[in-house]
Amino acid sequence: MRIKIRLKELLEERGISQRQLSLRMNMRPATINHLCSNSVDRVYIRTLEQICEALDITVDQLIVSVNEKEDVADK
């Protein structure tokens, strides 16, 4: 099982760019870009909280567990 951050999908659903979110959160655009990639291997809890606050979502909407077999099929 893997854990996935759904930030890219959530931004697309809401029509918000990575840059807009970075400005809203006062965070570097590169940080948001990294969190939207599939290569995230660690993230601060506070960063997740800030994203949830900025998008008015809960952490379970942001983070999901992914079956590795399903993940391979998505690539």
PDB file of N, CA and C in Angstrom:
ATOM      1  N   MET A   1       0.846  -1.189   0.000  1.00  0.00           N
ATOM      2  CA  MET A   1       0.000   0.000   0.000  1.00  0.00           C
ATOM      3  C   MET A   1       0.885   1.244   0.000  1.00  0.00           C
ATOM      4  N   ARG A   2       0.483   2.209  -0.798  1.00  0.00           N
ATOM      5  CA  ARG A   2       1.149   3.503  -0.835  1.00  0.00           C
ATOM      6  C   ARG A   2       0.174   4.578  -0.394  1.00  0.00           C
ATOM      7  N   ILE A   3       0.719   5.688   0.019  1.00  0.00           N
ATOM      8  CA  ILE A   3      -0.091   6.847   0.382  1.00  0.00           C
ATOM      9  C   ILE A   3       0.118   7.895  -0.702  1.00  0.00           C
ATOM     10  N   LYS A   4      -0.974   8.478  -1.156  1.00  0.00           N
ATOM     11  CA  LYS A   4      -0.906   9.450  -2.241  1.00  0.00           C
ATOM     12  C   LYS A   4      -1.520  10.769  -1.799  1.00  0.00           C
ATOM     13  N   ILE A   5      -0.865  11.851  -2.172  1.00  0.00           N
ATOM     14  CA  ILE A   5      -1.404  13.195  -1.947  1.00  0.00           C
ATOM     15  C   ILE A   5      -2.155  13.586  -3.211  1.00  0.00           C
ATOM     16  N   ARG A   6      -3.424  13.886  -3.083  1.00  0.00           N
ATOM     17  CA  ARG A   6      -4.295  14.179  -4.223  1.00  0.00           C
ATOM     18  C   ARG A   6      -4.313  15.665  -4.584  1.00  0.00           C
ATOM     19  N   LEU A   7      -3.276  16.380  -4.286  1.00  0.00           N
ATOM     20  CA  LEU A   7      -3.287  17.830  -4.477  1.00  0.00           C
ATOM     21  C   LEU A   7      -3.513  18.219  -5.933  1.00  0.00           C
ATOM     22  N   LYS A   8      -2.823  17.589  -6.846  1.00  0.00           N
ATOM     23  CA  LYS A   8      -2.969  17.931  -8.261  1.00  0.00           C
ATOM     24  C   LYS A   8      -4.419  17.771  -8.717  1.00  0.00           C
ATOM     25  N   GLU A   9      -5.049  16.663  -8.360  1.00  0.00           N
ATOM     26  CA  GLU A   9      -6.431  16.410  -8.742  1.00  0.00           C
ATOM     27  C   GLU A   9      -7.382  17.431  -8.121  1.00  0.00           C
ATOM     28  N   LEU A  10      -7.158  17.755  -6.854  1.00  0.00           N
ATOM     29  CA  LEU A  10      -8.019  18.719  -6.169  1.00  0.00           C
ATOM     30  C   LEU A  10      -7.912  20.108  -6.793  1.00  0.00           C
ATOM     31  N   LEU A  11      -6.702  20.501  -7.152  1.00  0.00           N
ATOM     32  CA  LEU A  11      -6.525  21.809  -7.791  1.00  0.00           C
ATOM     33  C   LEU A  11      -7.231  21.840  -9.143  1.00  0.00           C
ATOM     34  N   GLU A  12      -7.107  20.759  -9.912  1.00  0.00           N
ATOM     35  CA  GLU A  12      -7.772  20.693 -11.219  1.00  0.00           C
ATOM     36  C   GLU A  12      -9.288  20.762 -11.058  1.00  0.00           C
ATOM     37  N   GLU A  13      -9.833  20.029 -10.081  1.00  0.00           N
ATOM     38  CA  GLU A  13     -11.277  20.030  -9.837  1.00  0.00           C
ATOM     39  C   GLU A  13     -11.789  21.428  -9.497  1.00  0.00           C
ATOM     40  N   ARG A  14     -10.971  22.196  -8.791  1.00  0.00           N
ATOM     41  CA  ARG A  14     -11.389  23.521  -8.330  1.00  0.00           C
ATOM     42  C   ARG A  14     -10.965  24.650  -9.255  1.00  0.00           C
ATOM     43  N   GLY A  15     -10.203  24.326 -10.295  1.00  0.00           N
ATOM     44  CA  GLY A  15      -9.750  25.355 -11.226  1.00  0.00           C
ATOM     45  C   GLY A  15      -8.750  26.316 -10.610  1.00  0.00           C
ATOM     46  N   ILE A  16      -7.932  25.807  -9.707  1.00  0.00           N
ATOM     47  CA  ILE A  16      -6.916  26.624  -9.025  1.00  0.00           C
ATOM     48  C   ILE A  16      -5.543  26.188  -9.529  1.00  0.00           C
ATOM     49  N   SER A  17      -4.719  27.146  -9.895  1.00  0.00           N
ATOM     50  CA  SER A  17      -3.371  26.808 -10.349  1.00  0.00           C
ATOM     51  C   SER A  17      -2.450  26.585  -9.145  1.00  0.00           C
ATOM     52  N   GLN A  18      -1.357  25.918  -9.407  1.00  0.00           N
ATOM     53  CA  GLN A  18      -0.364  25.710  -8.347  1.00  0.00           C
ATOM     54  C   GLN A  18       0.148  27.059  -7.850  1.00  0.00           C
ATOM     55  N   ARG A  19       0.335  27.986  -8.767  1.00  0.00           N
ATOM     56  CA  ARG A  19       0.820  29.321  -8.388  1.00  0.00           C
ATOM     57  C   ARG A  19      -0.194  30.042  -7.490  1.00  0.00           C
ATOM     58  N   GLN A  20      -1.469  29.952  -7.844  1.00  0.00           N
ATOM     59  CA  GLN A  20      -2.501  30.585  -7.017  1.00  0.00           C
ATOM     60  C   GLN A  20      -2.492  30.010  -5.603  1.00  0.00           C
ATOM     61  N   LEU A  21      -2.350  28.688  -5.500  1.00  0.00           N
ATOM     62  CA  LEU A  21      -2.313  28.073  -4.174  1.00  0.00           C
ATOM     63  C   LEU A  21      -1.073  28.517  -3.410  1.00  0.00           C
ATOM     64  N   SER A  22       0.062  28.575  -4.091  1.00  0.00           N
ATOM     65  CA  SER A  22       1.285  28.987  -3.401  1.00  0.00           C
ATOM     66  C   SER A  22       1.164  30.414  -2.871  1.00  0.00           C
ATOM     67  N   LEU A  23       0.524  31.290  -3.632  1.00  0.00           N
ATOM     68  CA  LEU A  23       0.312  32.663  -3.162  1.00  0.00           C
ATOM     69  C   LEU A  23      -0.664  32.691  -1.989  1.00  0.00           C
ATOM     70  N   ARG A  24      -1.716  31.894  -2.081  1.00  0.00           N
ATOM     71  CA  ARG A  24      -2.716  31.822  -1.012  1.00  0.00           C
ATOM     72  C   ARG A  24      -2.096  31.322   0.285  1.00  0.00           C
ATOM     73  N   MET A  25      -1.126  30.401   0.154  1.00  0.00           N
ATOM     74  CA  MET A  25      -0.509  29.785   1.329  1.00  0.00           C
ATOM     75  C   MET A  25       0.783  30.475   1.750  1.00  0.00           C
ATOM     76  N   ASN A  26       1.258  31.429   0.942  1.00  0.00           N
ATOM     77  CA  ASN A  26       2.545  32.065   1.194  1.00  0.00           C
ATOM     78  C   ASN A  26       3.651  31.002   1.255  1.00  0.00           C
ATOM     79  N   MET A  27       3.672  30.165   0.234  1.00  0.00           N
ATOM     80  CA  MET A  27       4.617  29.057   0.155  1.00  0.00           C
ATOM     81  C   MET A  27       5.290  29.099  -1.217  1.00  0.00           C
ATOM     82  N   ARG A  28       6.496  28.586  -1.276  1.00  0.00           N
ATOM     83  CA  ARG A  28       7.220  28.577  -2.548  1.00  0.00           C
ATOM     84  C   ARG A  28       6.469  27.753  -3.596  1.00  0.00           C
ATOM     85  N   PRO A  29       6.353  28.262  -4.829  1.00  0.00           N
ATOM     86  CA  PRO A  29       5.702  27.492  -5.894  1.00  0.00           C
ATOM     87  C   PRO A  29       6.360  26.127  -6.121  1.00  0.00           C
ATOM     88  N   ALA A  30       7.666  26.041  -5.940  1.00  0.00           N
ATOM     89  CA  ALA A  30       8.370  24.767  -6.128  1.00  0.00           C
ATOM     90  C   ALA A  30       7.887  23.719  -5.125  1.00  0.00           C
ATOM     91  N   THR A  31       7.530  24.151  -3.932  1.00  0.00           N
ATOM     92  CA  THR A  31       7.028  23.225  -2.918  1.00  0.00           C
ATOM     93  C   THR A  31       5.680  22.655  -3.349  1.00  0.00           C
ATOM     94  N   ILE A  32       4.803  23.515  -3.823  1.00  0.00           N
ATOM     95  CA  ILE A  32       3.491  23.072  -4.294  1.00  0.00           C
ATOM     96  C   ILE A  32       3.668  22.147  -5.494  1.00  0.00           C
ATOM     97  N   ASN A  33       4.558  22.518  -6.406  1.00  0.00           N
ATOM     98  CA  ASN A  33       4.812  21.682  -7.579  1.00  0.00           C
ATOM     99  C   ASN A  33       5.277  20.293  -7.167  1.00  0.00           C
ATOM    100  N   HIS A  34       6.167  20.226  -6.207  1.00  0.00           N
ATOM    101  CA  HIS A  34       6.660  18.933  -5.729  1.00  0.00           C
ATOM    102  C   HIS A  34       5.530  18.117  -5.114  1.00  0.00           C
ATOM    103  N   LEU A  35       4.668  18.747  -4.341  1.00  0.00           N
ATOM    104  CA  LEU A  35       3.562  18.037  -3.713  1.00  0.00           C
ATOM    105  C   LEU A  35       2.534  17.545  -4.740  1.00  0.00           C
ATOM    106  N   CYS A  36       2.520  18.148  -5.911  1.00  0.00           N
ATOM    107  CA  CYS A  36       1.619  17.711  -6.981  1.00  0.00           C
ATOM    108  C   CYS A  36       2.213  16.566  -7.797  1.00  0.00           C
ATOM    109  N   SER A  37       3.472  16.260  -7.578  1.00  0.00           N
ATOM    110  CA  SER A  37       4.125  15.190  -8.336  1.00  0.00           C
ATOM    111  C   SER A  37       3.872  13.841  -7.668  1.00  0.00           C
ATOM    112  N   ASN A  38       4.258  12.791  -8.354  1.00  0.00           N
ATOM    113  CA  ASN A  38       4.117  11.446  -7.805  1.00  0.00           C
ATOM    114  C   ASN A  38       5.368  10.989  -7.065  1.00  0.00           C
ATOM    115  N   SER A  39       6.293  11.895  -6.827  1.00  0.00           N
ATOM    116  CA  SER A  39       7.558  11.506  -6.202  1.00  0.00           C
ATOM    117  C   SER A  39       7.712  12.007  -4.765  1.00  0.00           C
ATOM    118  N   VAL A  40       6.616  12.357  -4.131  1.00  0.00           N
ATOM    119  CA  VAL A  40       6.670  12.854  -2.750  1.00  0.00           C
ATOM    120  C   VAL A  40       6.933  11.685  -1.808  1.00  0.00           C
ATOM    121  N   ASP A  41       7.986  11.802  -1.019  1.00  0.00           N
ATOM    122  CA  ASP A  41       8.261  10.730  -0.062  1.00  0.00           C
ATOM    123  C   ASP A  41       8.188  11.203   1.383  1.00  0.00           C
ATOM    124  N   ARG A  42       8.045  12.506   1.585  1.00  0.00           N
ATOM    125  CA  ARG A  42       7.831  13.027   2.934  1.00  0.00           C
ATOM    126  C   ARG A  42       7.271  14.439   2.844  1.00  0.00           C
ATOM    127  N   VAL A  43       6.483  14.761   3.856  1.00  0.00           N
ATOM    128  CA  VAL A  43       5.873  16.085   3.914  1.00  0.00           C
ATOM    129  C   VAL A  43       5.579  16.400   5.380  1.00  0.00           C
ATOM    130  N   TYR A  44       5.712  17.656   5.726  1.00  0.00           N
ATOM    131  CA  TYR A  44       5.407  18.075   7.089  1.00  0.00           C
ATOM    132  C   TYR A  44       3.898  18.055   7.329  1.00  0.00           C
ATOM    133  N   ILE A  45       3.513  17.631   8.505  1.00  0.00           N
ATOM    134  CA  ILE A  45       2.099  17.628   8.891  1.00  0.00           C
ATOM    135  C   ILE A  45       1.533  19.047   8.798  1.00  0.00           C
ATOM    136  N   ARG A  46       2.287  20.016   9.228  1.00  0.00           N
ATOM    137  CA  ARG A  46       1.822  21.411   9.183  1.00  0.00           C
ATOM    138  C   ARG A  46       1.526  21.841   7.748  1.00  0.00           C
ATOM    139  N   THR A  47       2.324  21.391   6.794  1.00  0.00           N
ATOM    140  CA  THR A  47       2.079  21.718   5.386  1.00  0.00           C
ATOM    141  C   THR A  47       0.750  21.125   4.934  1.00  0.00           C
ATOM    142  N   LEU A  48       0.478  19.893   5.329  1.00  0.00           N
ATOM    143  CA  LEU A  48      -0.803  19.271   4.997  1.00  0.00           C
ATOM    144  C   LEU A  48      -1.957  20.047   5.615  1.00  0.00           C
ATOM    145  N   GLU A  49      -1.780  20.479   6.855  1.00  0.00           N
ATOM    146  CA  GLU A  49      -2.814  21.274   7.531  1.00  0.00           C
ATOM    147  C   GLU A  49      -3.056  22.587   6.785  1.00  0.00           C
ATOM    148  N   GLN A  50      -1.983  23.230   6.345  1.00  0.00           N
ATOM    149  CA  GLN A  50      -2.112  24.496   5.623  1.00  0.00           C
ATOM    150  C   GLN A  50      -2.850  24.307   4.297  1.00  0.00           C
ATOM    151  N   ILE A  51      -2.541  23.216   3.600  1.00  0.00           N
ATOM    152  CA  ILE A  51      -3.227  22.928   2.342  1.00  0.00           C
ATOM    153  C   ILE A  51      -4.713  22.720   2.611  1.00  0.00           C
ATOM    154  N   CYS A  52      -5.019  21.943   3.627  1.00  0.00           N
ATOM    155  CA  CYS A  52      -6.420  21.692   3.976  1.00  0.00           C
ATOM    156  C   CYS A  52      -7.148  22.985   4.316  1.00  0.00           C
ATOM    157  N   GLU A  53      -6.506  23.855   5.051  1.00  0.00           N
ATOM    158  CA  GLU A  53      -7.112  25.138   5.405  1.00  0.00           C
ATOM    159  C   GLU A  53      -7.324  26.001   4.159  1.00  0.00           C
ATOM    160  N   ALA A  54      -6.319  26.048   3.294  1.00  0.00           N
ATOM    161  CA  ALA A  54      -6.396  26.896   2.095  1.00  0.00           C
ATOM    162  C   ALA A  54      -7.477  26.413   1.130  1.00  0.00           C
ATOM    163  N   LEU A  55      -7.677  25.100   1.043  1.00  0.00           N
ATOM    164  CA  LEU A  55      -8.665  24.538   0.119  1.00  0.00           C
ATOM    165  C   LEU A  55      -9.994  24.212   0.797  1.00  0.00           C
ATOM    166  N   ASP A  56     -10.062  24.425   2.105  1.00  0.00           N
ATOM    167  CA  ASP A  56     -11.254  24.124   2.893  1.00  0.00           C
ATOM    168  C   ASP A  56     -11.689  22.666   2.702  1.00  0.00           C
ATOM    169  N   ILE A  57     -10.718  21.770   2.955  1.00  0.00           N
ATOM    170  CA  ILE A  57     -10.964  20.331   2.847  1.00  0.00           C
ATOM    171  C   ILE A  57     -10.448  19.643   4.103  1.00  0.00           C
ATOM    172  N   THR A  58     -10.755  18.370   4.217  1.00  0.00           N
ATOM    173  CA  THR A  58     -10.232  17.576   5.325  1.00  0.00           C
ATOM    174  C   THR A  58      -9.028  16.778   4.841  1.00  0.00           C
ATOM    175  N   VAL A  59      -8.230  16.309   5.767  1.00  0.00           N
ATOM    176  CA  VAL A  59      -7.020  15.587   5.398  1.00  0.00           C
ATOM    177  C   VAL A  59      -7.347  14.290   4.661  1.00  0.00           C
ATOM    178  N   ASP A  60      -8.475  13.667   4.966  1.00  0.00           N
ATOM    179  CA  ASP A  60      -8.824  12.431   4.256  1.00  0.00           C
ATOM    180  C   ASP A  60      -9.261  12.694   2.820  1.00  0.00           C
ATOM    181  N   GLN A  61      -9.568  13.928   2.474  1.00  0.00           N
ATOM    182  CA  GLN A  61      -9.822  14.288   1.083  1.00  0.00           C
ATOM    183  C   GLN A  61      -8.506  14.519   0.342  1.00  0.00           C
ATOM    184  N   LEU A  62      -7.488  14.893   1.078  1.00  0.00           N
ATOM    185  CA  LEU A  62      -6.187  15.206   0.496  1.00  0.00           C
ATOM    186  C   LEU A  62      -5.305  13.971   0.349  1.00  0.00           C
ATOM    187  N   ILE A  63      -5.369  13.080   1.308  1.00  0.00           N
ATOM    188  CA  ILE A  63      -4.489  11.910   1.325  1.00  0.00           C
ATOM    189  C   ILE A  63      -5.325  10.647   1.198  1.00  0.00           C
ATOM    190  N   VAL A  64      -4.916   9.765   0.304  1.00  0.00           N
ATOM    191  CA  VAL A  64      -5.606   8.489   0.128  1.00  0.00           C
ATOM    192  C   VAL A  64      -4.574   7.371   0.086  1.00  0.00           C
ATOM    193  N   SER A  65      -5.011   6.175   0.440  1.00  0.00           N
ATOM    194  CA  SER A  65      -4.137   5.014   0.285  1.00  0.00           C
ATOM    195  C   SER A  65      -4.421   4.401  -1.078  1.00  0.00           C
ATOM    196  N   VAL A  66      -3.352   3.933  -1.716  1.00  0.00           N
ATOM    197  CA  VAL A  66      -3.447   3.401  -3.065  1.00  0.00           C
ATOM    198  C   VAL A  66      -2.882   1.996  -3.078  1.00  0.00           C
ATOM    199  N   ASN A  67      -3.641   1.073  -3.621  1.00  0.00           N
ATOM    200  CA  ASN A  67      -3.142  -0.278  -3.828  1.00  0.00           C
ATOM    201  C   ASN A  67      -2.059  -0.200  -4.893  1.00  0.00           C
ATOM    202  N   GLU A  68      -0.897  -0.756  -4.650  1.00  0.00           N
ATOM    203  CA  GLU A  68       0.214  -0.639  -5.592  1.00  0.00           C
ATOM    204  C   GLU A  68      -0.120  -1.216  -6.948  1.00  0.00           C
ATOM    205  N   LYS A  69      -0.955  -2.236  -7.041  1.00  0.00           N
ATOM    206  CA  LYS A  69      -1.349  -2.804  -8.326  1.00  0.00           C
ATOM    207  C   LYS A  69      -2.159  -1.787  -9.121  1.00  0.00           C
ATOM    208  N   GLU A  70      -3.062  -1.066  -8.435  1.00  0.00           N
ATOM    209  CA  GLU A  70      -3.845  -0.032  -9.102  1.00  0.00           C
ATOM    210  C   GLU A  70      -2.937   1.102  -9.562  1.00  0.00           C
ATOM    211  N   ASP A  71      -1.956   1.464  -8.740  1.00  0.00           N
ATOM    212  CA  ASP A  71      -1.049   2.546  -9.051  1.00  0.00           C
ATOM    213  C   ASP A  71      -0.225   2.223 -10.293  1.00  0.00           C
ATOM    214  N   VAL A  72       0.229   1.001 -10.446  1.00  0.00           N
ATOM    215  CA  VAL A  72       1.008   0.585 -11.607  1.00  0.00           C
ATOM    216  C   VAL A  72       0.137   0.675 -12.861  1.00  0.00           C
ATOM    217  N   ALA A  73      -1.131   0.323 -12.750  1.00  0.00           N
ATOM    218  CA  ALA A  73      -2.042   0.383 -13.883  1.00  0.00           C
ATOM    219  C   ALA A  73      -2.282   1.819 -14.333  1.00  0.00           C
ATOM    220  N   ASP A  74      -2.203   2.784 -13.417  1.00  0.00           N
ATOM    221  CA  ASP A  74      -2.413   4.202 -13.747  1.00  0.00           C
ATOM    222  C   ASP A  74      -1.252   4.796 -14.532  1.00  0.00           C
ATOM    223  N   LYS A  75      -0.078   4.201 -14.448  1.00  0.00           N
ATOM    224  CA  LYS A  75       1.109   4.783 -15.090  1.00  0.00           C
ATOM    225  C   LYS A  75       1.178   4.488 -16.557  1.00  0.00           C
TER     226      LYS A  75
END
